[in-house]
Amino acid sequence: LVESGGGLVQAGGSLRLSCVVSGSIVSGSTMAWYRQAPGKQRE
């Protein structure tokens, strides 16, 4: 899985993250996005 699309944005703005998958078919899989902030658990 290869993510892209992150960056620096002002509050109120928008971003679109992408995740290109190889070795598995996304339509037949459960896919998810998680995040981890400094000092916090991944959620």
PDB file of all heavy atoms in Angstrom:
ATOM      1  N   LEU A   1       0.865  -1.185   0.000  1.00  0.00           N
ATOM      2  CA  LEU A   1       0.000   0.000   0.000  1.00  0.00           C
ATOM      3  C   LEU A   1       0.901   1.234   0.000  1.00  0.00           C
ATOM      4  O   LEU A   1       1.835   1.322   0.814  1.00  0.00           O
ATOM      5  CB  LEU A   1      -0.906   0.025   1.227  1.00  0.00           C
ATOM      6  CG  LEU A   1      -1.848  -1.169   1.426  1.00  0.00           C
ATOM      7  CD1 LEU A   1      -1.194  -2.253   2.274  1.00  0.00           C
ATOM      8  CD2 LEU A   1      -3.148  -0.727   2.083  1.00  0.00           C
ATOM      9  N   VAL A   2       0.613   2.165  -0.890  1.00  0.00           N
ATOM     10  CA  VAL A   2       1.417   3.378  -0.997  1.00  0.00           C
ATOM     11  C   VAL A   2       0.494   4.582  -0.913  1.00  0.00           C
ATOM     12  O   VAL A   2      -0.346   4.796  -1.799  1.00  0.00           O
ATOM     13  CB  VAL A   2       2.223   3.405  -2.308  1.00  0.00           C
ATOM     14  CG1 VAL A   2       3.030   4.690  -2.388  1.00  0.00           C
ATOM     15  CG2 VAL A   2       3.139   2.189  -2.396  1.00  0.00           C
ATOM     16  N   GLU A   3       0.657   5.363   0.160  1.00  0.00           N
ATOM     17  CA  GLU A   3      -0.167   6.550   0.363  1.00  0.00           C
ATOM     18  C   GLU A   3       0.493   7.786  -0.256  1.00  0.00           C
ATOM     19  O   GLU A   3       1.722   7.853  -0.366  1.00  0.00           O
ATOM     20  CB  GLU A   3      -0.405   6.834   1.853  1.00  0.00           C
ATOM     21  CG  GLU A   3      -1.040   5.716   2.646  1.00  0.00           C
ATOM     22  CD  GLU A   3      -0.037   4.959   3.478  1.00  0.00           C
ATOM     23  OE1 GLU A   3       1.137   4.869   3.050  1.00  0.00           O
ATOM     24  OE2 GLU A   3      -0.410   4.443   4.542  1.00  0.00           O
ATOM     25  N   SER A   4      -0.341   8.740  -0.601  1.00  0.00           N
ATOM     26  CA  SER A   4       0.137  10.040  -1.054  1.00  0.00           C
ATOM     27  C   SER A   4      -0.965  11.058  -0.807  1.00  0.00           C
ATOM     28  O   SER A   4      -2.101  10.697  -0.480  1.00  0.00           O
ATOM     29  CB  SER A   4       0.506  10.006  -2.535  1.00  0.00           C
ATOM     30  OG  SER A   4      -0.626   9.691  -3.327  1.00  0.00           O
ATOM     31  N   GLY A   5      -0.601  12.336  -0.944  1.00  0.00           N
ATOM     32  CA  GLY A   5      -1.598  13.391  -0.845  1.00  0.00           C
ATOM     33  C   GLY A   5      -1.553  14.203   0.428  1.00  0.00           C
ATOM     34  O   GLY A   5      -2.295  15.180   0.567  1.00  0.00           O
ATOM     35  N   GLY A   6      -0.705  13.825   1.357  1.00  0.00           N
ATOM     36  CA  GLY A   6      -0.601  14.608   2.584  1.00  0.00           C
ATOM     37  C   GLY A   6       0.088  15.938   2.332  1.00  0.00           C
ATOM     38  O   GLY A   6       0.600  16.202   1.247  1.00  0.00           O
ATOM     39  N   GLY A   7       0.093  16.778   3.358  1.00  0.00           N
ATOM     40  CA  GLY A   7       0.752  18.074   3.232  1.00  0.00           C
ATOM     41  C   GLY A   7       0.325  19.025   4.316  1.00  0.00           C
ATOM     42  O   GLY A   7      -0.283  18.626   5.318  1.00  0.00           O
ATOM     43  N   LEU A   8       0.646  20.285   4.105  1.00  0.00           N
ATOM     44  CA  LEU A   8       0.307  21.349   5.042  1.00  0.00           C
ATOM     45  C   LEU A   8      -0.877  22.126   4.488  1.00  0.00           C
ATOM     46  O   LEU A   8      -0.857  22.538   3.323  1.00  0.00           O
ATOM     47  CB  LEU A   8       1.511  22.272   5.224  1.00  0.00           C
ATOM     48  CG  LEU A   8       1.296  23.535   6.061  1.00  0.00           C
ATOM     49  CD1 LEU A   8       0.950  23.174   7.499  1.00  0.00           C
ATOM     50  CD2 LEU A   8       2.543  24.411   6.007  1.00  0.00           C
ATOM     51  N   VAL A   9      -1.896  22.317   5.316  1.00  0.00           N
ATOM     52  CA  VAL A   9      -3.091  23.026   4.878  1.00  0.00           C
ATOM     53  C   VAL A   9      -3.602  23.885   6.032  1.00  0.00           C
ATOM     54  O   VAL A   9      -3.391  23.550   7.206  1.00  0.00           O
ATOM     55  CB  VAL A   9      -4.172  22.024   4.406  1.00  0.00           C
ATOM     56  CG1 VAL A   9      -4.633  21.133   5.546  1.00  0.00           C
ATOM     57  CG2 VAL A   9      -5.344  22.724   3.749  1.00  0.00           C
ATOM     58  N   GLN A  10      -4.246  24.978   5.704  1.00  0.00           N
ATOM     59  CA  GLN A  10      -4.832  25.822   6.750  1.00  0.00           C
ATOM     60  C   GLN A  10      -6.136  25.226   7.248  1.00  0.00           C
ATOM     61  O   GLN A  10      -6.824  24.494   6.525  1.00  0.00           O
ATOM     62  CB  GLN A  10      -5.078  27.229   6.206  1.00  0.00           C
ATOM     63  CG  GLN A  10      -3.808  28.033   5.990  1.00  0.00           C
ATOM     64  CD  GLN A  10      -4.105  29.488   5.647  1.00  0.00           C
ATOM     65  OE1 GLN A  10      -5.146  29.784   5.068  1.00  0.00           O
ATOM     66  NE2 GLN A  10      -3.190  30.380   5.990  1.00  0.00           N
ATOM     67  N   ALA A  11      -6.487  25.572   8.464  1.00  0.00           N
ATOM     68  CA  ALA A  11      -7.755  25.125   9.028  1.00  0.00           C
ATOM     69  C   ALA A  11      -8.900  25.545   8.108  1.00  0.00           C
ATOM     70  O   ALA A  11      -8.908  26.657   7.576  1.00  0.00           O
ATOM     71  CB  ALA A  11      -7.951  25.716  10.420  1.00  0.00           C
ATOM     72  N   GLY A  12      -9.833  24.626   7.917  1.00  0.00           N
ATOM     73  CA  GLY A  12     -10.947  24.870   7.005  1.00  0.00           C
ATOM     74  C   GLY A  12     -10.702  24.373   5.600  1.00  0.00           C
ATOM     75  O   GLY A  12     -11.637  24.315   4.790  1.00  0.00           O
ATOM     76  N   GLY A  13      -9.468  24.010   5.306  1.00  0.00           N
ATOM     77  CA  GLY A  13      -9.124  23.547   3.975  1.00  0.00           C
ATOM     78  C   GLY A  13      -9.428  22.072   3.768  1.00  0.00           C
ATOM     79  O   GLY A  13      -9.990  21.399   4.645  1.00  0.00           O
ATOM     80  N   SER A  14      -9.033  21.588   2.593  1.00  0.00           N
ATOM     81  CA  SER A  14      -9.310  20.206   2.206  1.00  0.00           C
ATOM     82  C   SER A  14      -8.057  19.529   1.662  1.00  0.00           C
ATOM     83  O   SER A  14      -7.169  20.189   1.116  1.00  0.00           O
ATOM     84  CB  SER A  14     -10.401  20.156   1.125  1.00  0.00           C
ATOM     85  OG  SER A  14     -11.614  20.700   1.589  1.00  0.00           O
ATOM     86  N   LEU A  15      -8.029  18.226   1.816  1.00  0.00           N
ATOM     87  CA  LEU A  15      -6.996  17.391   1.208  1.00  0.00           C
ATOM     88  C   LEU A  15      -7.644  16.073   0.795  1.00  0.00           C
ATOM     89  O   LEU A  15      -8.621  15.642   1.413  1.00  0.00           O
ATOM     90  CB  LEU A  15      -5.860  17.084   2.196  1.00  0.00           C
ATOM     91  CG  LEU A  15      -4.816  18.158   2.484  1.00  0.00           C
ATOM     92  CD1 LEU A  15      -3.884  17.672   3.589  1.00  0.00           C
ATOM     93  CD2 LEU A  15      -4.024  18.508   1.235  1.00  0.00           C
ATOM     94  N   ARG A  16      -7.083  15.443  -0.214  1.00  0.00           N
ATOM     95  CA  ARG A  16      -7.509  14.096  -0.577  1.00  0.00           C
ATOM     96  C   ARG A  16      -6.297  13.180  -0.546  1.00  0.00           C
ATOM     97  O   ARG A  16      -5.327  13.395  -1.285  1.00  0.00           O
ATOM     98  CB  ARG A  16      -8.154  14.047  -1.965  1.00  0.00           C
ATOM     99  CG  ARG A  16      -8.779  12.684  -2.248  1.00  0.00           C
ATOM    100  CD  ARG A  16      -9.488  12.625  -3.581  1.00  0.00           C
ATOM    101  NE  ARG A  16      -8.570  12.443  -4.698  1.00  0.00           N
ATOM    102  CZ  ARG A  16      -8.914  11.919  -5.865  1.00  0.00           C
ATOM    103  NH1 ARG A  16     -10.162  11.512  -6.064  1.00  0.00           N
ATOM    104  NH2 ARG A  16      -8.032  11.819  -6.842  1.00  0.00           N
ATOM    105  N   LEU A  17      -6.378  12.181   0.301  1.00  0.00           N
ATOM    106  CA  LEU A  17      -5.327  11.184   0.390  1.00  0.00           C
ATOM    107  C   LEU A  17      -5.650  10.025  -0.550  1.00  0.00           C
ATOM    108  O   LEU A  17      -6.820   9.656  -0.704  1.00  0.00           O
ATOM    109  CB  LEU A  17      -5.196  10.660   1.822  1.00  0.00           C
ATOM    110  CG  LEU A  17      -4.988  11.705   2.919  1.00  0.00           C
ATOM    111  CD1 LEU A  17      -4.806  11.010   4.264  1.00  0.00           C
ATOM    112  CD2 LEU A  17      -3.831  12.613   2.608  1.00  0.00           C
ATOM    113  N   SER A  18      -4.609   9.474  -1.141  1.00  0.00           N
ATOM    114  CA  SER A  18      -4.761   8.318  -2.018  1.00  0.00           C
ATOM    115  C   SER A  18      -3.933   7.156  -1.499  1.00  0.00           C
ATOM    116  O   SER A  18      -2.875   7.359  -0.887  1.00  0.00           O
ATOM    117  CB  SER A  18      -4.291   8.655  -3.438  1.00  0.00           C
ATOM    118  OG  SER A  18      -5.031   9.717  -3.999  1.00  0.00           O
ATOM    119  N   CYS A  19      -4.408   5.960  -1.755  1.00  0.00           N
ATOM    120  CA  CYS A  19      -3.694   4.750  -1.346  1.00  0.00           C
ATOM    121  C   CYS A  19      -3.779   3.761  -2.506  1.00  0.00           C
ATOM    122  O   CYS A  19      -4.853   3.204  -2.769  1.00  0.00           O
ATOM    123  CB  CYS A  19      -4.325   4.167  -0.097  1.00  0.00           C
ATOM    124  SG  CYS A  19      -3.662   2.556   0.404  1.00  0.00           S
ATOM    125  N   VAL A  20      -2.666   3.588  -3.188  1.00  0.00           N
ATOM    126  CA  VAL A  20      -2.610   2.639  -4.292  1.00  0.00           C
ATOM    127  C   VAL A  20      -2.226   1.272  -3.734  1.00  0.00           C
ATOM    128  O   VAL A  20      -1.227   1.144  -3.021  1.00  0.00           O
ATOM    129  CB  VAL A  20      -1.597   3.086  -5.358  1.00  0.00           C
ATOM    130  CG1 VAL A  20      -1.528   2.061  -6.472  1.00  0.00           C
ATOM    131  CG2 VAL A  20      -1.980   4.460  -5.907  1.00  0.00           C
ATOM    132  N   VAL A  21      -3.028   0.281  -4.064  1.00  0.00           N
ATOM    133  CA  VAL A  21      -2.855  -1.064  -3.500  1.00  0.00           C
ATOM    134  C   VAL A  21      -2.392  -2.024  -4.590  1.00  0.00           C
ATOM    135  O   VAL A  21      -2.927  -2.018  -5.703  1.00  0.00           O
ATOM    136  CB  VAL A  21      -4.171  -1.566  -2.884  1.00  0.00           C
ATOM    137  CG1 VAL A  21      -3.972  -2.956  -2.267  1.00  0.00           C
ATOM    138  CG2 VAL A  21      -4.679  -0.589  -1.838  1.00  0.00           C
ATOM    139  N   SER A  22      -1.420  -2.850  -4.265  1.00  0.00           N
ATOM    140  CA  SER A  22      -1.002  -3.934  -5.142  1.00  0.00           C
ATOM    141  C   SER A  22      -0.988  -5.228  -4.345  1.00  0.00           C
ATOM    142  O   SER A  22      -0.802  -5.216  -3.130  1.00  0.00           O
ATOM    143  CB  SER A  22       0.379  -3.653  -5.750  1.00  0.00           C
ATOM    144  OG  SER A  22       1.344  -3.487  -4.731  1.00  0.00           O
ATOM    145  N   GLY A  23      -1.234  -6.340  -5.029  1.00  0.00           N
ATOM    146  CA  GLY A  23      -1.244  -7.637  -4.363  1.00  0.00           C
ATOM    147  C   GLY A  23      -2.561  -7.986  -3.709  1.00  0.00           C
ATOM    148  O   GLY A  23      -2.681  -9.045  -3.086  1.00  0.00           O
ATOM    149  N   SER A  24      -3.563  -7.118  -3.832  1.00  0.00           N
ATOM    150  CA  SER A  24      -4.878  -7.377  -3.265  1.00  0.00           C
ATOM    151  C   SER A  24      -5.889  -6.538  -4.033  1.00  0.00           C
ATOM    152  O   SER A  24      -5.565  -5.452  -4.498  1.00  0.00           O
ATOM    153  CB  SER A  24      -4.904  -7.017  -1.785  1.00  0.00           C
ATOM    154  OG  SER A  24      -6.168  -7.304  -1.218  1.00  0.00           O
ATOM    155  N   ILE A  25      -7.105  -7.024  -4.143  1.00  0.00           N
ATOM    156  CA  ILE A  25      -8.142  -6.319  -4.870  1.00  0.00           C
ATOM    157  C   ILE A  25      -8.974  -5.510  -3.879  1.00  0.00           C
ATOM    158  O   ILE A  25      -9.603  -6.081  -2.976  1.00  0.00           O
ATOM    159  CB  ILE A  25      -9.052  -7.302  -5.630  1.00  0.00           C
ATOM    160  CG1 ILE A  25      -8.222  -8.224  -6.518  1.00  0.00           C
ATOM    161  CG2 ILE A  25     -10.098  -6.544  -6.434  1.00  0.00           C
ATOM    162  CD1 ILE A  25      -7.445  -7.514  -7.584  1.00  0.00           C
ATOM    163  N   VAL A  26      -9.012  -4.189  -4.036  1.00  0.00           N
ATOM    164  CA  VAL A  26      -9.687  -3.364  -3.038  1.00  0.00           C
ATOM    165  C   VAL A  26     -11.187  -3.644  -3.000  1.00  0.00           C
ATOM    166  O   VAL A  26     -11.820  -3.545  -1.949  1.00  0.00           O
ATOM    167  CB  VAL A  26      -9.418  -1.863  -3.260  1.00  0.00           C
ATOM    168  CG1 VAL A  26      -7.931  -1.562  -3.111  1.00  0.00           C
ATOM    169  CG2 VAL A  26      -9.941  -1.383  -4.598  1.00  0.00           C
ATOM    170  N   SER A  27     -11.763  -4.010  -4.143  1.00  0.00           N
ATOM    171  CA  SER A  27     -13.214  -4.219  -4.157  1.00  0.00           C
ATOM    172  C   SER A  27     -13.620  -5.429  -3.335  1.00  0.00           C
ATOM    173  O   SER A  27     -14.761  -5.526  -2.889  1.00  0.00           O
ATOM    174  CB  SER A  27     -13.708  -4.389  -5.602  1.00  0.00           C
ATOM    175  OG  SER A  27     -13.104  -5.532  -6.185  1.00  0.00           O
ATOM    176  N   GLY A  28     -12.693  -6.343  -3.105  1.00  0.00           N
ATOM    177  CA  GLY A  28     -12.997  -7.542  -2.326  1.00  0.00           C
ATOM    178  C   GLY A  28     -12.414  -7.510  -0.935  1.00  0.00           C
ATOM    179  O   GLY A  28     -12.416  -8.526  -0.233  1.00  0.00           O
ATOM    180  N   SER A  29     -11.933  -6.354  -0.516  1.00  0.00           N
ATOM    181  CA  SER A  29     -11.245  -6.234   0.761  1.00  0.00           C
ATOM    182  C   SER A  29     -11.903  -5.170   1.619  1.00  0.00           C
ATOM    183  O   SER A  29     -12.558  -4.256   1.111  1.00  0.00           O
ATOM    184  CB  SER A  29      -9.775  -5.843   0.544  1.00  0.00           C
ATOM    185  OG  SER A  29      -9.114  -6.745  -0.311  1.00  0.00           O
ATOM    186  N   THR A  30     -11.696  -5.283   2.905  1.00  0.00           N
ATOM    187  CA  THR A  30     -12.046  -4.194   3.818  1.00  0.00           C
ATOM    188  C   THR A  30     -10.829  -3.285   3.915  1.00  0.00           C
ATOM    189  O   THR A  30      -9.740  -3.730   4.285  1.00  0.00           O
ATOM    190  CB  THR A  30     -12.432  -4.732   5.198  1.00  0.00           C
ATOM    191  OG1 THR A  30     -13.624  -5.519   5.082  1.00  0.00           O
ATOM    192  CG2 THR A  30     -12.693  -3.585   6.166  1.00  0.00           C
ATOM    193  N   MET A  31     -11.025  -2.041   3.546  1.00  0.00           N
ATOM    194  CA  MET A  31      -9.937  -1.060   3.558  1.00  0.00           C
ATOM    195  C   MET A  31     -10.236   0.007   4.600  1.00  0.00           C
ATOM    196  O   MET A  31     -11.415   0.286   4.906  1.00  0.00           O
ATOM    197  CB  MET A  31      -9.793  -0.414   2.178  1.00  0.00           C
ATOM    198  CG  MET A  31      -9.518  -1.392   1.051  1.00  0.00           C
ATOM    199  SD  MET A  31      -7.975  -2.306   1.234  1.00  0.00           S
ATOM    200  CE  MET A  31      -6.767  -0.971   1.294  1.00  0.00           C
ATOM    201  N   ALA A  32      -9.194   0.603   5.130  1.00  0.00           N
ATOM    202  CA  ALA A  32      -9.394   1.588   6.189  1.00  0.00           C
ATOM    203  C   ALA A  32      -8.296   2.640   6.162  1.00  0.00           C
ATOM    204  O   ALA A  32      -7.217   2.421   5.606  1.00  0.00           O
ATOM    205  CB  ALA A  32      -9.409   0.901   7.554  1.00  0.00           C
ATOM    206  N   TRP A  33      -8.616   3.780   6.742  1.00  0.00           N
ATOM    207  CA  TRP A  33      -7.648   4.818   7.030  1.00  0.00           C
ATOM    208  C   TRP A  33      -7.555   4.975   8.549  1.00  0.00           C
ATOM    209  O   TRP A  33      -8.593   5.055   9.224  1.00  0.00           O
ATOM    210  CB  TRP A  33      -8.053   6.146   6.406  1.00  0.00           C
ATOM    211  CG  TRP A  33      -7.870   6.197   4.933  1.00  0.00           C
ATOM    212  CD1 TRP A  33      -8.803   5.947   3.968  1.00  0.00           C
ATOM    213  CD2 TRP A  33      -6.663   6.543   4.230  1.00  0.00           C
ATOM    214  NE1 TRP A  33      -8.249   6.103   2.720  1.00  0.00           N
ATOM    215  CE2 TRP A  33      -6.942   6.485   2.848  1.00  0.00           C
ATOM    216  CE3 TRP A  33      -5.374   6.911   4.626  1.00  0.00           C
ATOM    217  CZ2 TRP A  33      -5.988   6.749   1.871  1.00  0.00           C
ATOM    218  CZ3 TRP A  33      -4.430   7.181   3.665  1.00  0.00           C
ATOM    219  CH2 TRP A  33      -4.731   7.107   2.299  1.00  0.00           C
ATOM    220  N   TYR A  34      -6.324   5.008   9.028  1.00  0.00           N
ATOM    221  CA  TYR A  34      -6.036   5.262  10.430  1.00  0.00           C
ATOM    222  C   TYR A  34      -5.186   6.527  10.513  1.00  0.00           C
ATOM    223  O   TYR A  34      -4.607   6.971   9.512  1.00  0.00           O
ATOM    224  CB  TYR A  34      -5.239   4.110  11.048  1.00  0.00           C
ATOM    225  CG  TYR A  34      -6.018   2.845  11.302  1.00  0.00           C
ATOM    226  CD1 TYR A  34      -6.371   1.996  10.268  1.00  0.00           C
ATOM    227  CD2 TYR A  34      -6.371   2.480  12.602  1.00  0.00           C
ATOM    228  CE1 TYR A  34      -7.079   0.813  10.507  1.00  0.00           C
ATOM    229  CE2 TYR A  34      -7.068   1.301  12.857  1.00  0.00           C
ATOM    230  CZ  TYR A  34      -7.406   0.476  11.806  1.00  0.00           C
ATOM    231  OH  TYR A  34      -8.091  -0.693  12.059  1.00  0.00           O
ATOM    232  N   ARG A  35      -5.068   7.067  11.699  1.00  0.00           N
ATOM    233  CA  ARG A  35      -4.148   8.188  11.907  1.00  0.00           C
ATOM    234  C   ARG A  35      -3.510   8.075  13.285  1.00  0.00           C
ATOM    235  O   ARG A  35      -4.084   7.482  14.195  1.00  0.00           O
ATOM    236  CB  ARG A  35      -4.849   9.528  11.740  1.00  0.00           C
ATOM    237  CG  ARG A  35      -5.869   9.854  12.829  1.00  0.00           C
ATOM    238  CD  ARG A  35      -6.586  11.160  12.492  1.00  0.00           C
ATOM    239  NE  ARG A  35      -7.574  11.512  13.509  1.00  0.00           N
ATOM    240  CZ  ARG A  35      -8.425  12.522  13.386  1.00  0.00           C
ATOM    241  NH1 ARG A  35      -8.409  13.303  12.289  1.00  0.00           N
ATOM    242  NH2 ARG A  35      -9.290  12.789  14.352  1.00  0.00           N
ATOM    243  N   GLN A  36      -2.333   8.671  13.377  1.00  0.00           N
ATOM    244  CA  GLN A  36      -1.631   8.682  14.650  1.00  0.00           C
ATOM    245  C   GLN A  36      -0.997  10.051  14.851  1.00  0.00           C
ATOM    246  O   GLN A  36      -0.132  10.458  14.066  1.00  0.00           O
ATOM    247  CB  GLN A  36      -0.572   7.593  14.706  1.00  0.00           C
ATOM    248  CG  GLN A  36       0.085   7.447  16.068  1.00  0.00           C
ATOM    249  CD  GLN A  36       0.877   6.166  16.194  1.00  0.00           C
ATOM    250  OE1 GLN A  36       1.248   5.521  15.218  1.00  0.00           O
ATOM    251  NE2 GLN A  36       1.129   5.758  17.445  1.00  0.00           N
ATOM    252  N   ALA A  37      -1.457  10.729  15.880  1.00  0.00           N
ATOM    253  CA  ALA A  37      -0.903  12.029  16.238  1.00  0.00           C
ATOM    254  C   ALA A  37       0.242  11.821  17.228  1.00  0.00           C
ATOM    255  O   ALA A  37       0.302  10.785  17.905  1.00  0.00           O
ATOM    256  CB  ALA A  37      -1.991  12.905  16.859  1.00  0.00           C
ATOM    257  N   PRO A  38       1.145  12.768  17.335  1.00  0.00           N
ATOM    258  CA  PRO A  38       2.281  12.620  18.259  1.00  0.00           C
ATOM    259  C   PRO A  38       1.807  12.354  19.681  1.00  0.00           C
ATOM    260  O   PRO A  38       0.931  13.052  20.200  1.00  0.00           O
ATOM    261  CB  PRO A  38       2.984  13.978  18.154  1.00  0.00           C
ATOM    262  CG  PRO A  38       2.635  14.485  16.810  1.00  0.00           C
ATOM    263  CD  PRO A  38       1.231  14.017  16.546  1.00  0.00           C
ATOM    264  N   GLY A  39       2.379  11.313  20.290  1.00  0.00           N
ATOM    265  CA  GLY A  39       2.049  10.988  21.662  1.00  0.00           C
ATOM    266  C   GLY A  39       0.718  10.294  21.862  1.00  0.00           C
ATOM    267  O   GLY A  39       0.298  10.065  22.999  1.00  0.00           O
ATOM    268  N   LYS A  40       0.042   9.972  20.754  1.00  0.00           N
ATOM    269  CA  LYS A  40      -1.263   9.324  20.871  1.00  0.00           C
ATOM    270  C   LYS A  40      -1.247   7.972  20.167  1.00  0.00           C
ATOM    271  O   LYS A  40      -0.387   7.690  19.339  1.00  0.00           O
ATOM    272  CB  LYS A  40      -2.353  10.215  20.264  1.00  0.00           C
ATOM    273  CG  LYS A  40      -2.567  11.510  21.002  1.00  0.00           C
ATOM    274  CD  LYS A  40      -3.779  12.238  20.476  1.00  0.00           C
ATOM    275  CE  LYS A  40      -4.051  13.503  21.273  1.00  0.00           C
ATOM    276  NZ  LYS A  40      -5.258  14.224  20.774  1.00  0.00           N
ATOM    277  N   GLN A  41      -2.243   7.154  20.509  1.00  0.00           N
ATOM    278  CA  GLN A  41      -2.365   5.850  19.859  1.00  0.00           C
ATOM    279  C   GLN A  41      -2.945   6.005  18.465  1.00  0.00           C
ATOM    280  O   GLN A  41      -3.660   6.972  18.163  1.00  0.00           O
ATOM    281  CB  GLN A  41      -3.271   4.946  20.703  1.00  0.00           C
ATOM    282  CG  GLN A  41      -2.629   4.456  21.983  1.00  0.00           C
ATOM    283  CD  GLN A  41      -3.452   3.380  22.675  1.00  0.00           C
ATOM    284  OE1 GLN A  41      -4.676   3.364  22.562  1.00  0.00           O
ATOM    285  NE2 GLN A  41      -2.801   2.478  23.383  1.00  0.00           N
ATOM    286  N   ARG A  42      -2.640   5.044  17.627  1.00  0.00           N
ATOM    287  CA  ARG A  42      -3.218   5.037  16.293  1.00  0.00           C
ATOM    288  C   ARG A  42      -4.722   4.800  16.422  1.00  0.00           C
ATOM    289  O   ARG A  42      -5.161   3.939  17.190  1.00  0.00           O
ATOM    290  CB  ARG A  42      -2.574   3.932  15.455  1.00  0.00           C
ATOM    291  CG  ARG A  42      -2.887   3.995  13.978  1.00  0.00           C
ATOM    292  CD  ARG A  42      -2.050   3.005  13.196  1.00  0.00           C
ATOM    293  NE  ARG A  42      -0.622   3.326  13.267  1.00  0.00           N
ATOM    294  CZ  ARG A  42       0.310   2.711  12.529  1.00  0.00           C
ATOM    295  NH1 ARG A  42      -0.040   1.756  11.675  1.00  0.00           N
ATOM    296  NH2 ARG A  42       1.573   3.043  12.657  1.00  0.00           N
ATOM    297  N   GLU A  43      -5.504   5.563  15.668  1.00  0.00           N
ATOM    298  CA  GLU A  43      -6.957   5.440  15.745  1.00  0.00           C
ATOM    299  C   GLU A  43      -7.565   5.270  14.368  1.00  0.00           C
ATOM    300  O   GLU A  43      -7.055   5.780  13.370  1.00  0.00           O
ATOM    301  CB  GLU A  43      -7.574   6.669  16.429  1.00  0.00           C
ATOM    302  CG  GLU A  43      -7.375   7.975  15.686  1.00  0.00           C
ATOM    303  CD  GLU A  43      -8.149   9.135  16.292  1.00  0.00           C
ATOM    304  OE1 GLU A  43      -8.962   8.922  17.214  1.00  0.00           O
ATOM    305  OE2 GLU A  43      -7.939  10.278  15.838  1.00  0.00           O
TER     306      GLU A  43
END
